[in-house]
């Protein structure tokens, strides 16, 4: 997305933003539902995850239209008589998501049982209210270990059909607070949160046990993010409270979107809105943010602010987890571990049979859970062993002793294999640890060798330089001697050249001593 605005001196200022989807005003509601990625969140909620979608932007930018549909059609469930009447081209994400959920539940396996519940609340002037029970007044926001932050005494409605859920949605729309100001005569003056709980019980056909998962899908429609001076609303306190919630939300997004190795304080507790969105922002939920902006140049500052918030939100990393009861999660883990042990036990038995051990002589009973063989049932000597042909004699006491010996051998071999398996795992761990230690020692030795080479290199260079200098000095000395001899023949009193020769001889001796010292250093 590219935003062009007027900069200093009348020059155009171009800003580029990149998002997963940029939907124009010409895109249909159906295409937006299919392309926005919300179906991934709905599928995850059906599998026991937490999922949240929230719309952020200034008043009039299309938040409520994107989430719910046309405002003049909201809250009209009494005029709809069948489920087909809810299928309107202007429907937003909420009604389309409800249809998608019920269609997905209908296609689930018969071994899965779903229970769907819905609640609807709003945050107005930093107070939580129940949109399904207007007489309840302001409600408290509490916290516990299992649910995190939640609205206390919020009405939760059991929904057995799509009509039930849509009735909850329309009732909430009718009770939601709206207000008139310069930017929108029917502006939403509160933050609304629709929550659909999806409890499912999955029966395992193999062992007959069931697992319960607690999925949840939340739809958040935020109030307008415009500045107070732009609204010119009669209720300045109302706009101030809205801005406080959104300002705290912006701080939370900025803190979570900061790429830093140090731990950053996240001010979740500074507002009720961010408390209830704690799981959705940096928690264990899958979250989709819809940033709504207007193409009007009059609100360019609000548009840039919204896009900057959305850019920071892209950097937030959540850790989605399946919501299960801790006890059931522990039981499920123990069942899986038990199945692994059974598989390993069967594998060891097969290995014994393949090795041709004495166990081929009989069909041994299965081991008990504690690894010991069950007590052997020995028929009385006077009776007939079941399934034994009439012409064969019953086994004697010696035969039973022999069989017991074979069983003991089998038991000993099984224990030996288990111990050997454990020892192999231990040896493998020790070998990996030893290999890492040797690699570290090798790296240290290489570093030491490189250091020694670097230390040894300068003296070698000095020696070469010394040899070159000595060769030059010797050549110069020979040349000077020739000049001395030449001048001696012509002018024996020329002592200047003789002095130069003496100085050069002294320097040659000094260089020779230096060469010996360097050779000793090597």
Protein backbone atom coordinates (compact mmCIF):
# COMPACT_ATOMS: atom_id res chain seq x y z
CA UNK A 1 0.00 0.00 0.00
CA UNK A 2 1.27 3.47 -0.90
CA UNK A 3 0.19 6.67 0.85
CA UNK A 4 0.98 10.02 -0.80
CA UNK A 5 0.67 13.20 1.26
CA UNK A 6 1.85 16.81 1.05
CA UNK A 7 5.21 17.32 2.71
CA UNK A 8 7.25 20.38 3.59
CA UNK A 9 7.44 22.97 0.84
CA UNK A 10 4.52 21.42 -1.02
CA UNK A 11 6.51 18.36 -2.06
CA UNK A 12 4.85 14.96 -2.22
CA UNK A 13 5.73 12.61 0.63
CA UNK A 14 5.37 8.93 -0.30
CA UNK A 15 5.10 6.20 2.33
CA UNK A 16 4.94 2.49 1.54
CA UNK A 17 3.31 -0.18 3.73
CA UNK A 18 3.12 -3.92 3.23
CA UNK A 19 0.39 -6.19 4.62
CA UNK A 20 -1.00 -9.67 3.99
CA UNK A 21 -4.03 -8.26 2.15
CA UNK A 22 -5.06 -4.82 0.91
CA UNK A 23 -8.82 -4.82 0.24
CA UNK A 24 -10.23 -1.97 -1.82
CA UNK A 25 -13.68 -0.48 -1.35
CA UNK A 26 -14.82 -2.41 -4.43
CA UNK A 27 -14.15 -5.84 -2.89
CA UNK A 28 -17.31 -7.76 -2.00
CA UNK A 29 -18.01 -9.00 1.51
CA UNK A 30 -17.84 -12.59 0.32
CA UNK A 31 -14.41 -12.12 -1.27
CA UNK A 32 -13.15 -10.33 1.82
CA UNK A 33 -14.28 -13.23 4.01
CA UNK A 34 -12.49 -15.77 1.82
CA UNK A 35 -9.27 -13.76 1.39
CA UNK A 36 -8.86 -12.24 4.85
CA UNK A 37 -7.62 -15.47 6.44
CA UNK A 38 -10.39 -15.68 9.01
CA UNK A 39 -11.30 -19.21 7.91
CA UNK A 40 -7.92 -20.36 9.27
CA UNK A 41 -8.83 -18.88 12.64
CA UNK A 42 -12.26 -20.52 12.59
CA UNK A 43 -10.76 -23.93 11.79
CA UNK A 44 -8.29 -23.49 14.64
CA UNK A 45 -11.06 -22.58 17.07
CA UNK A 46 -12.84 -25.79 16.08
CA UNK A 47 -9.66 -27.69 17.01
CA UNK A 48 -9.49 -26.18 20.51
CA UNK A 49 -7.44 -23.01 19.96
CA UNK A 50 -8.18 -19.42 20.95
CA UNK A 51 -8.71 -17.06 18.01
CA UNK A 52 -9.45 -13.34 17.77
CA UNK A 53 -10.22 -10.90 14.98
CA UNK A 54 -10.43 -7.18 15.70
CA UNK A 55 -11.08 -4.10 13.57
CA UNK A 56 -9.13 -0.91 14.24
CA UNK A 57 -9.47 2.50 12.62
CA UNK A 58 -11.14 5.88 12.71
CA UNK A 59 -14.87 6.48 12.66
CA UNK A 60 -16.40 5.99 9.23
CA UNK A 61 -13.54 3.88 7.88
CA UNK A 62 -15.63 0.68 7.71
CA UNK A 63 -14.97 -1.23 10.95
CA UNK A 64 -18.57 -2.13 11.75
CA UNK A 65 -19.35 -2.80 8.09
CA UNK A 66 -16.40 -5.19 7.82
CA UNK A 67 -17.28 -6.99 11.04
CA UNK A 68 -21.11 -7.06 10.89
CA UNK A 69 -22.48 -5.54 7.68
CA UNK A 70 -24.72 -2.60 6.88
CA UNK A 71 -25.69 -0.67 10.02
CA UNK A 72 -29.31 -0.26 8.90
CA UNK A 73 -29.68 -4.06 8.83
CA UNK A 74 -28.17 -4.73 12.24
CA UNK A 75 -30.42 -5.96 15.03
CA UNK A 76 -33.17 -7.24 12.72
CA UNK A 77 -33.35 -10.87 13.84
CA UNK A 78 -37.06 -10.56 14.62
CA UNK A 79 -37.76 -9.87 10.95
CA UNK A 80 -35.87 -12.99 9.85
CA UNK A 81 -37.86 -16.17 9.99
CA UNK A 82 -35.43 -18.77 8.61
CA UNK A 83 -31.71 -19.37 8.48
CA UNK A 84 -31.69 -18.54 4.77
CA UNK A 85 -32.76 -14.97 5.59
CA UNK A 86 -29.42 -14.44 7.30
CA UNK A 87 -27.56 -14.96 4.01
CA UNK A 88 -27.27 -11.37 2.78
CA UNK A 89 -24.57 -10.06 0.37
CA UNK A 90 -23.85 -7.21 2.80
CA UNK A 91 -23.19 -9.53 5.75
CA UNK A 92 -19.82 -8.97 7.38
CA UNK A 93 -17.37 -11.36 9.00
CA UNK A 94 -19.51 -12.18 12.04
CA UNK A 95 -22.61 -13.64 10.31
CA UNK A 96 -20.48 -15.36 7.68
CA UNK A 97 -18.25 -16.87 10.37
CA UNK A 98 -21.29 -18.20 12.23
CA UNK A 99 -22.52 -19.93 9.08
CA UNK A 100 -19.03 -21.34 8.47
CA UNK A 101 -18.82 -22.72 12.01
CA UNK A 102 -22.13 -24.56 11.82
CA UNK A 103 -21.32 -25.97 8.38
CA UNK A 104 -17.96 -27.22 9.68
CA UNK A 105 -19.55 -28.78 12.76
CA UNK A 106 -22.05 -30.60 10.55
CA UNK A 107 -19.16 -32.12 8.56
CA UNK A 108 -17.27 -33.32 11.64
CA UNK A 109 -16.88 -36.98 12.55
CA UNK A 110 -19.71 -38.58 14.56
CA UNK A 111 -17.13 -39.24 17.28
CA UNK A 112 -16.95 -35.47 17.95
CA UNK A 113 -19.61 -33.70 20.01
CA UNK A 114 -19.81 -29.88 20.04
CA UNK A 115 -21.35 -27.46 22.50
CA UNK A 116 -21.60 -23.82 21.40
CA UNK A 117 -22.12 -20.83 23.72
CA UNK A 118 -22.08 -17.09 23.09
CA UNK A 119 -21.63 -13.91 25.11
CA UNK A 120 -21.57 -10.24 24.11
CA UNK A 121 -20.10 -7.36 26.12
CA UNK A 122 -18.92 -3.79 25.57
CA UNK A 123 -16.34 -1.50 27.15
CA UNK A 124 -17.80 2.00 27.58
CA UNK A 125 -16.12 4.77 29.60
CA UNK A 126 -13.69 2.17 31.01
CA UNK A 127 -16.58 0.07 32.33
CA UNK A 128 -17.69 -3.39 31.17
CA UNK A 129 -21.37 -3.93 30.33
CA UNK A 130 -23.39 -6.97 29.27
CA UNK A 131 -25.09 -6.34 25.92
CA UNK A 132 -27.43 -9.31 26.51
CA UNK A 133 -28.58 -8.09 29.92
CA UNK A 134 -28.84 -4.31 29.91
CA UNK A 135 -30.19 -4.25 33.48
CA UNK A 136 -27.03 -5.77 34.95
CA UNK A 137 -25.14 -2.47 35.08
CA UNK A 138 -21.37 -2.17 35.16
CA UNK A 139 -19.54 -5.47 35.66
CA UNK A 140 -16.14 -6.19 37.13
CA UNK A 141 -13.19 -7.54 35.16
CA UNK A 142 -11.57 -10.35 37.15
CA UNK A 143 -8.66 -12.75 36.66
CA UNK A 144 -8.04 -16.41 37.47
CA UNK A 145 -5.47 -19.04 36.52
CA UNK A 146 -7.66 -20.88 34.03
CA UNK A 147 -9.46 -18.08 32.16
CA UNK A 148 -7.08 -15.16 32.62
CA UNK A 149 -9.00 -11.85 32.55
CA UNK A 150 -12.77 -12.20 32.17
CA UNK A 151 -15.98 -10.22 32.80
CA UNK A 152 -17.60 -11.41 36.01
CA UNK A 153 -21.31 -12.40 35.88
CA UNK A 154 -21.45 -12.01 32.10
CA UNK A 155 -24.47 -13.78 30.61
CA UNK A 156 -23.50 -16.81 28.52
CA UNK A 157 -26.18 -18.22 26.20
CA UNK A 158 -26.31 -21.85 25.05
CA UNK A 159 -26.75 -21.89 21.26
CA UNK A 160 -28.01 -25.03 19.55
CA UNK A 161 -28.56 -23.52 16.11
CA UNK A 162 -27.37 -20.72 13.89
CA UNK A 163 -30.58 -18.83 14.62
CA UNK A 164 -29.71 -18.83 18.33
CA UNK A 165 -26.29 -17.29 17.71
CA UNK A 166 -27.66 -14.66 15.32
CA UNK A 167 -30.28 -13.73 17.91
CA UNK A 168 -27.45 -13.08 20.37
CA UNK A 169 -25.63 -10.95 17.78
CA UNK A 170 -28.68 -8.86 16.91
CA UNK A 171 -29.60 -8.34 20.57
CA UNK A 172 -26.10 -7.07 21.25
CA UNK A 173 -26.25 -4.68 18.29
CA UNK A 174 -29.52 -3.20 19.52
CA UNK A 175 -28.10 -2.54 22.99
CA UNK A 176 -24.74 -1.18 21.91
CA UNK A 177 -24.12 2.50 22.62
CA UNK A 178 -23.92 4.85 19.67
CA UNK A 179 -23.46 8.60 19.62
CA UNK A 180 -23.48 11.49 17.21
CA UNK A 181 -20.53 13.71 16.47
CA UNK A 182 -19.18 15.59 13.49
CA UNK A 183 -17.60 12.54 11.86
CA UNK A 184 -20.55 10.13 12.15
CA UNK A 185 -24.10 10.67 13.36
CA UNK A 186 -24.42 6.99 14.43
CA UNK A 187 -20.88 6.30 15.58
CA UNK A 188 -20.17 3.34 17.87
CA UNK A 189 -18.97 4.88 21.12
CA UNK A 190 -17.87 1.63 22.78
CA UNK A 191 -15.64 -1.37 22.15
CA UNK A 192 -17.70 -4.54 21.64
CA UNK A 193 -16.49 -8.12 22.13
CA UNK A 194 -18.53 -11.06 20.83
CA UNK A 195 -17.22 -14.40 22.12
CA UNK A 196 -18.29 -17.80 20.78
CA UNK A 197 -17.12 -20.73 22.90
CA UNK A 198 -16.67 -24.07 21.12
CA UNK A 199 -16.40 -26.95 23.59
CA UNK A 200 -15.83 -30.30 21.90
CA UNK A 201 -15.53 -33.85 23.14
CA UNK A 202 -13.61 -36.19 20.86
CA UNK A 203 -13.99 -39.94 21.37
CA UNK A 204 -10.98 -42.11 20.56
CA UNK A 205 -12.34 -45.25 18.84
CA UNK A 206 -9.20 -47.22 19.71
CA UNK A 207 -9.37 -47.08 23.50
CA UNK A 208 -12.85 -45.64 24.07
CA UNK A 209 -11.55 -42.61 25.98
CA UNK A 210 -12.65 -39.06 25.20
CA UNK A 211 -10.74 -35.76 25.17
CA UNK A 212 -12.39 -32.39 25.82
CA UNK A 213 -11.05 -29.23 24.15
CA UNK A 214 -12.15 -25.66 24.75
CA UNK A 215 -11.92 -23.51 21.62
CA UNK A 216 -12.98 -19.87 21.51
CA UNK A 217 -13.56 -17.34 18.72
CA UNK A 218 -13.73 -13.62 19.60
CA UNK A 219 -14.86 -10.73 17.38
CA UNK A 220 -13.77 -7.25 18.54
CA UNK A 221 -15.20 -4.07 17.02
CA UNK A 222 -13.28 -1.10 18.44
CA UNK A 223 -14.58 2.45 18.74
CA UNK A 224 -13.22 5.13 16.42
CA UNK A 225 -9.56 6.08 16.90
CA UNK A 226 -9.91 9.73 15.83
CA UNK A 227 -8.59 12.57 17.96
CA UNK A 228 -10.79 14.53 20.36
CA UNK A 229 -10.54 17.83 18.43
CA UNK A 230 -11.74 16.08 15.26
CA UNK A 231 -14.97 14.73 16.78
CA UNK A 232 -16.36 17.94 18.32
CA UNK A 233 -18.56 15.68 20.41
CA UNK A 234 -20.75 17.07 23.16
CA UNK A 235 -19.48 14.35 25.52
CA UNK A 236 -15.76 15.02 25.78
CA UNK A 237 -15.35 12.59 28.69
CA UNK A 238 -16.69 9.78 26.50
CA UNK A 239 -14.18 10.49 23.75
CA UNK A 240 -11.41 10.82 26.31
CA UNK A 241 -12.19 7.35 27.72
CA UNK A 242 -12.20 5.88 24.22
CA UNK A 243 -8.85 7.47 23.47
CA UNK A 244 -7.44 6.18 26.77
CA UNK A 245 -8.34 2.59 25.87
CA UNK A 246 -6.98 2.94 22.35
CA UNK A 247 -3.85 4.71 23.62
CA UNK A 248 -3.17 1.82 25.98
CA UNK A 249 -3.85 -0.61 23.14
CA UNK A 250 -1.30 1.28 21.05
CA UNK A 251 1.27 1.07 23.86
CA UNK A 252 0.69 -2.68 24.16
CA UNK A 253 1.11 -3.16 20.41
CA UNK A 254 4.24 -0.99 20.39
CA UNK A 255 5.78 -2.88 23.32
CA UNK A 256 5.02 -6.29 21.84
CA UNK A 257 6.17 -5.24 18.37
CA UNK A 258 9.56 -4.02 19.60
CA UNK A 259 12.35 -6.29 18.36
CA UNK A 260 14.63 -6.36 21.39
CA UNK A 261 16.56 -9.00 23.28
CA UNK A 262 15.64 -7.39 26.60
CA UNK A 263 12.29 -7.96 28.30
CA UNK A 264 9.88 -5.07 27.68
CA UNK A 265 7.08 -4.12 30.07
CA UNK A 266 3.66 -4.51 28.45
CA UNK A 267 0.95 -2.33 30.10
CA UNK A 268 -1.97 -4.78 29.81
CA UNK A 269 -3.48 -3.67 33.13
CA UNK A 270 -3.75 0.01 32.23
CA UNK A 271 -7.22 -0.46 30.69
CA UNK A 272 -10.04 -2.99 30.73
CA UNK A 273 -9.87 -3.37 26.96
CA UNK A 274 -6.24 -4.51 26.96
CA UNK A 275 -6.91 -6.81 29.92
CA UNK A 276 -9.58 -8.66 27.93
CA UNK A 277 -7.33 -8.72 24.82
CA UNK A 278 -4.29 -10.02 26.71
CA UNK A 279 -4.51 -13.53 25.20
CA UNK A 280 -5.03 -12.08 21.73
CA UNK A 281 -1.95 -9.83 21.88
CA UNK A 282 1.24 -11.70 22.69
CA UNK A 283 -0.59 -14.60 24.35
CA UNK A 284 -1.66 -18.05 23.20
CA UNK A 285 -4.26 -16.97 20.65
CA UNK A 286 -4.31 -16.72 16.86
CA UNK A 287 -5.10 -13.10 16.00
CA UNK A 288 -6.18 -11.25 12.86
CA UNK A 289 -6.08 -7.44 12.77
CA UNK A 290 -8.20 -5.53 10.26
CA UNK A 291 -6.88 -1.99 9.83
CA UNK A 292 -9.64 0.19 8.35
CA UNK A 293 -8.59 3.45 6.66
CA UNK A 294 -10.25 6.13 4.56
CA UNK A 295 -8.91 7.37 1.18
CA UNK A 296 -9.90 10.95 2.07
CA UNK A 297 -6.93 13.37 2.26
CA UNK A 298 -8.68 15.21 5.10
CA UNK A 299 -7.94 12.36 7.54
CA UNK A 300 -4.45 11.52 6.27
CA UNK A 301 -2.94 11.75 9.76
CA UNK A 302 -5.42 9.23 11.19
CA UNK A 303 -4.81 6.96 8.21
CA UNK A 304 -1.04 7.00 8.75
CA UNK A 305 -1.52 6.39 12.48
CA UNK A 306 -3.68 3.33 11.79
CA UNK A 307 -1.20 1.94 9.25
CA UNK A 308 1.69 2.43 11.68
CA UNK A 309 -0.22 0.55 14.38
CA UNK A 310 -0.90 -2.29 11.94
CA UNK A 311 2.78 -2.43 10.95
CA UNK A 312 3.81 -2.80 14.59
CA UNK A 313 1.14 -5.44 15.16
CA UNK A 314 2.72 -7.58 12.42
CA UNK A 315 5.80 -8.01 14.61
CA UNK A 316 3.85 -9.48 17.54
CA UNK A 317 4.48 -13.20 18.00
CA UNK A 318 1.84 -15.29 19.74
CA UNK A 319 2.20 -18.90 20.91
CA UNK A 320 -1.09 -20.69 20.14
CA UNK A 321 -1.86 -23.72 22.29
CA UNK A 322 -4.78 -26.13 22.43
CA UNK A 323 -7.04 -25.34 25.38
CA UNK A 324 -7.57 -28.44 27.53
CA UNK A 325 -8.15 -29.18 31.18
CA UNK A 326 -4.71 -29.67 32.81
CA UNK A 327 -5.75 -33.03 34.27
CA UNK A 328 -7.06 -34.26 30.93
CA UNK A 329 -3.89 -33.06 29.23
CA UNK A 330 -1.83 -35.06 31.73
CA UNK A 331 -4.00 -38.15 31.23
CA UNK A 332 -3.68 -37.84 27.45
CA UNK A 333 0.10 -37.64 27.75
CA UNK A 334 0.17 -40.75 29.95
CA UNK A 335 -1.99 -42.64 27.44
CA UNK A 336 0.38 -41.75 24.62
CA UNK A 337 3.36 -42.83 26.71
CA UNK A 338 1.61 -46.09 27.55
CA UNK A 339 0.99 -46.72 23.87
CA UNK A 340 4.67 -46.09 23.10
CA UNK A 341 5.71 -48.61 25.77
CA UNK A 342 3.29 -51.19 24.39
CA UNK A 343 4.72 -50.72 20.92
CA UNK A 344 8.27 -51.08 22.23
CA UNK A 345 7.27 -54.20 24.16
CA UNK A 346 5.81 -55.78 21.03
CA UNK A 347 8.96 -54.88 19.09
CA UNK A 348 11.20 -56.55 21.69
CA UNK A 349 9.08 -59.70 21.60
CA UNK A 350 9.37 -59.80 17.83
CA UNK A 351 13.15 -59.40 18.07
CA UNK A 352 13.32 -62.37 20.45
CA UNK A 353 11.27 -64.52 18.10
CA UNK A 354 13.38 -63.51 15.11
CA UNK A 355 16.57 -64.44 16.99
CA UNK A 356 15.35 -68.04 17.38
CA UNK A 357 15.30 -68.01 21.17
CA UNK A 358 13.63 -70.75 23.23
CA UNK A 359 10.47 -68.67 23.17
CA UNK A 360 9.68 -70.21 19.80
CA UNK A 361 8.73 -73.38 21.66
CA UNK A 362 5.56 -71.89 23.13
CA UNK A 363 3.20 -68.98 22.98
CA UNK A 364 4.06 -66.93 26.03
CA UNK A 365 1.42 -64.78 27.70
CA UNK A 366 1.71 -60.99 27.59
CA UNK A 367 3.63 -59.18 30.29
CA UNK A 368 1.74 -57.24 32.90
CA UNK A 369 2.03 -53.46 33.31
CA UNK A 370 4.86 -53.83 35.86
CA UNK A 371 7.02 -55.87 33.48
CA UNK A 372 6.52 -59.23 35.26
CA UNK A 373 4.97 -62.34 33.79
CA UNK A 374 1.46 -63.22 35.02
CA UNK A 375 1.01 -66.31 37.18
CA UNK A 376 0.89 -69.49 35.09
CA UNK A 377 -2.24 -71.58 35.35
CA UNK A 378 -1.24 -75.26 35.81
CA UNK A 379 -3.94 -77.86 35.31
CA UNK A 380 -4.16 -80.70 37.88
CA UNK A 381 -2.14 -83.78 36.93
CA UNK A 382 -5.20 -85.97 37.23
CA UNK A 383 -7.27 -83.83 34.87
CA UNK A 384 -7.09 -83.33 31.12
CA UNK A 385 -5.60 -80.18 29.70
CA UNK A 386 -8.20 -78.27 27.62
CA UNK A 387 -7.86 -78.52 23.82
CA UNK A 388 -5.45 -81.49 24.17
CA UNK A 389 -6.15 -84.43 21.81
CA UNK A 390 -7.49 -87.53 23.50
CA UNK A 391 -4.58 -89.73 22.38
CA UNK A 392 -1.94 -87.51 24.03
CA UNK A 393 -1.05 -87.89 27.67
CA UNK A 394 -1.38 -84.88 29.97
CA UNK A 395 1.87 -83.01 30.71
CA UNK A 396 3.84 -84.17 33.70
CA UNK A 397 5.30 -82.07 36.49
CA UNK A 398 8.66 -82.19 34.72
CA UNK A 399 7.05 -80.75 31.61
CA UNK A 400 5.66 -77.84 33.60
CA UNK A 401 9.05 -77.26 35.20
CA UNK A 402 10.61 -77.16 31.75
CA UNK A 403 8.00 -74.68 30.55
CA UNK A 404 8.57 -72.50 33.60
CA UNK A 405 12.29 -72.55 32.86
CA UNK A 406 11.66 -71.40 29.31
CA UNK A 407 9.42 -68.60 30.58
CA UNK A 408 12.09 -67.49 33.05
CA UNK A 409 14.63 -67.43 30.22
CA UNK A 410 12.27 -65.31 28.14
CA UNK A 411 11.74 -62.92 31.03
CA UNK A 412 15.50 -62.59 31.60
CA UNK A 413 16.13 -61.94 27.90
CA UNK A 414 13.45 -59.26 27.82
CA UNK A 415 14.91 -57.48 30.85
CA UNK A 416 18.39 -57.76 29.34
CA UNK A 417 17.22 -56.16 26.09
CA UNK A 418 15.54 -53.32 27.93
CA UNK A 419 18.69 -52.67 29.97
CA UNK A 420 20.83 -52.86 26.84
CA UNK A 421 18.52 -50.40 25.10
CA UNK A 422 18.85 -47.96 28.02
CA UNK A 423 22.64 -48.42 28.02
CA UNK A 424 22.82 -47.70 24.29
CA UNK A 425 20.88 -44.47 24.79
CA UNK A 426 23.26 -43.49 27.61
CA UNK A 427 26.33 -44.35 25.51
CA UNK A 428 24.97 -42.35 22.61
CA UNK A 429 24.52 -39.31 24.84
CA UNK A 430 28.05 -39.69 26.24
CA UNK A 431 29.51 -40.09 22.73
CA UNK A 432 27.77 -36.94 21.51
CA UNK A 433 29.02 -35.04 24.56
CA UNK A 434 32.59 -36.34 24.06
CA UNK A 435 32.48 -35.44 20.36
CA UNK A 436 31.47 -31.87 21.19
CA UNK A 437 34.30 -31.63 23.74
CA UNK A 438 36.86 -32.88 21.20
CA UNK A 439 35.60 -30.42 18.61
CA UNK A 440 36.01 -27.58 21.12
CA UNK A 441 39.56 -28.75 21.94
CA UNK A 442 40.38 -28.95 18.23
CA UNK A 443 39.17 -25.39 17.68
CA UNK A 444 41.24 -24.18 20.65
CA UNK A 445 44.34 -25.94 19.28
CA UNK A 446 43.82 -24.36 15.88
CA UNK A 447 43.53 -20.92 17.48
CA UNK A 448 46.75 -21.50 19.47
CA UNK A 449 48.57 -22.72 16.35
CA UNK A 450 47.48 -19.64 14.43
CA UNK A 451 48.71 -17.43 17.27
CA UNK A 452 52.11 -19.18 17.29
CA UNK A 453 52.37 -18.81 13.53
CA UNK A 454 51.59 -15.10 13.78
CA UNK A 455 54.23 -14.65 16.49
CA UNK A 456 56.86 -16.59 14.52
CA UNK A 457 56.23 -14.75 11.29
CA UNK A 458 57.71 -11.28 12.14
CA UNK A 459 61.19 -12.61 13.14
CA UNK A 460 61.36 -14.53 9.86
CA UNK A 461 60.56 -11.33 8.02
CA UNK A 462 63.20 -9.48 10.04
CA UNK A 463 65.82 -12.10 9.13
CA UNK A 464 65.04 -11.80 5.45
CA UNK A 465 65.16 -8.06 5.67
CA UNK A 466 68.45 -8.29 7.57
CA UNK A 467 69.96 -10.59 4.92
CA UNK A 468 68.95 -8.20 2.17
CA UNK A 469 70.40 -5.27 4.08
CA UNK A 470 73.64 -7.16 4.70
CA UNK A 471 73.98 -8.02 1.03
CA UNK A 472 73.49 -4.39 0.11
CA UNK A 473 75.98 -3.29 2.76
CA UNK A 474 78.56 -5.82 1.60
CA UNK A 475 78.15 -4.65 -1.97
CA UNK A 476 78.47 -1.07 -0.79
CA UNK A 477 81.53 -2.03 1.28
CA UNK A 478 83.20 -3.65 -1.71
CA UNK A 479 82.42 -0.61 -3.81
CA UNK A 480 83.89 1.69 -1.18
CA UNK A 481 87.00 -0.48 -0.87
CA UNK A 482 87.49 -0.21 -4.60
CA UNK A 483 87.10 3.56 -4.34
CA UNK A 484 89.56 3.65 -1.43
CA UNK A 485 92.08 1.64 -3.37
CA UNK A 486 91.52 3.88 -6.37
CA UNK A 487 91.90 7.05 -4.32
CA UNK A 488 94.86 5.60 -2.40
CA UNK A 489 96.62 5.19 -5.66
CA UNK A 490 95.77 8.76 -6.55
CA UNK A 491 95.52 10.52 -3.17
CA UNK A 492 96.64 8.57 -0.11
CA UNK A 493 95.62 11.46 2.16
CA UNK A 494 91.88 11.16 1.42
CA UNK A 495 90.63 10.14 4.88
CA UNK A 496 86.93 10.83 4.30
CA UNK A 497 86.43 7.64 2.37
CA UNK A 498 88.34 5.69 4.98
CA UNK A 499 86.01 6.96 7.68
CA UNK A 500 83.01 5.88 5.63
CA UNK A 501 84.48 2.43 5.28
CA UNK A 502 85.04 2.12 9.01
CA UNK A 503 81.45 3.18 9.74
CA UNK A 504 80.09 0.68 7.24
CA UNK A 505 82.17 -2.11 8.82
CA UNK A 506 80.77 -1.27 12.27
CA UNK A 507 77.23 -1.34 10.91
CA UNK A 508 77.86 -4.70 9.24
CA UNK A 509 79.01 -6.13 12.56
CA UNK A 510 75.90 -4.78 14.29
CA UNK A 511 73.65 -6.36 11.71
CA UNK A 512 75.43 -9.68 12.06
CA UNK A 513 74.84 -9.63 15.83
CA UNK A 514 71.19 -8.79 15.24
CA UNK A 515 70.91 -11.71 12.85
CA UNK A 516 72.30 -14.10 15.49
CA UNK A 517 69.82 -12.81 18.09
CA UNK A 518 66.90 -13.34 15.72
CA UNK A 519 68.06 -16.84 14.88
CA UNK A 520 68.20 -17.65 18.59
CA UNK A 521 64.69 -16.30 19.04
CA UNK A 522 63.43 -18.69 16.39
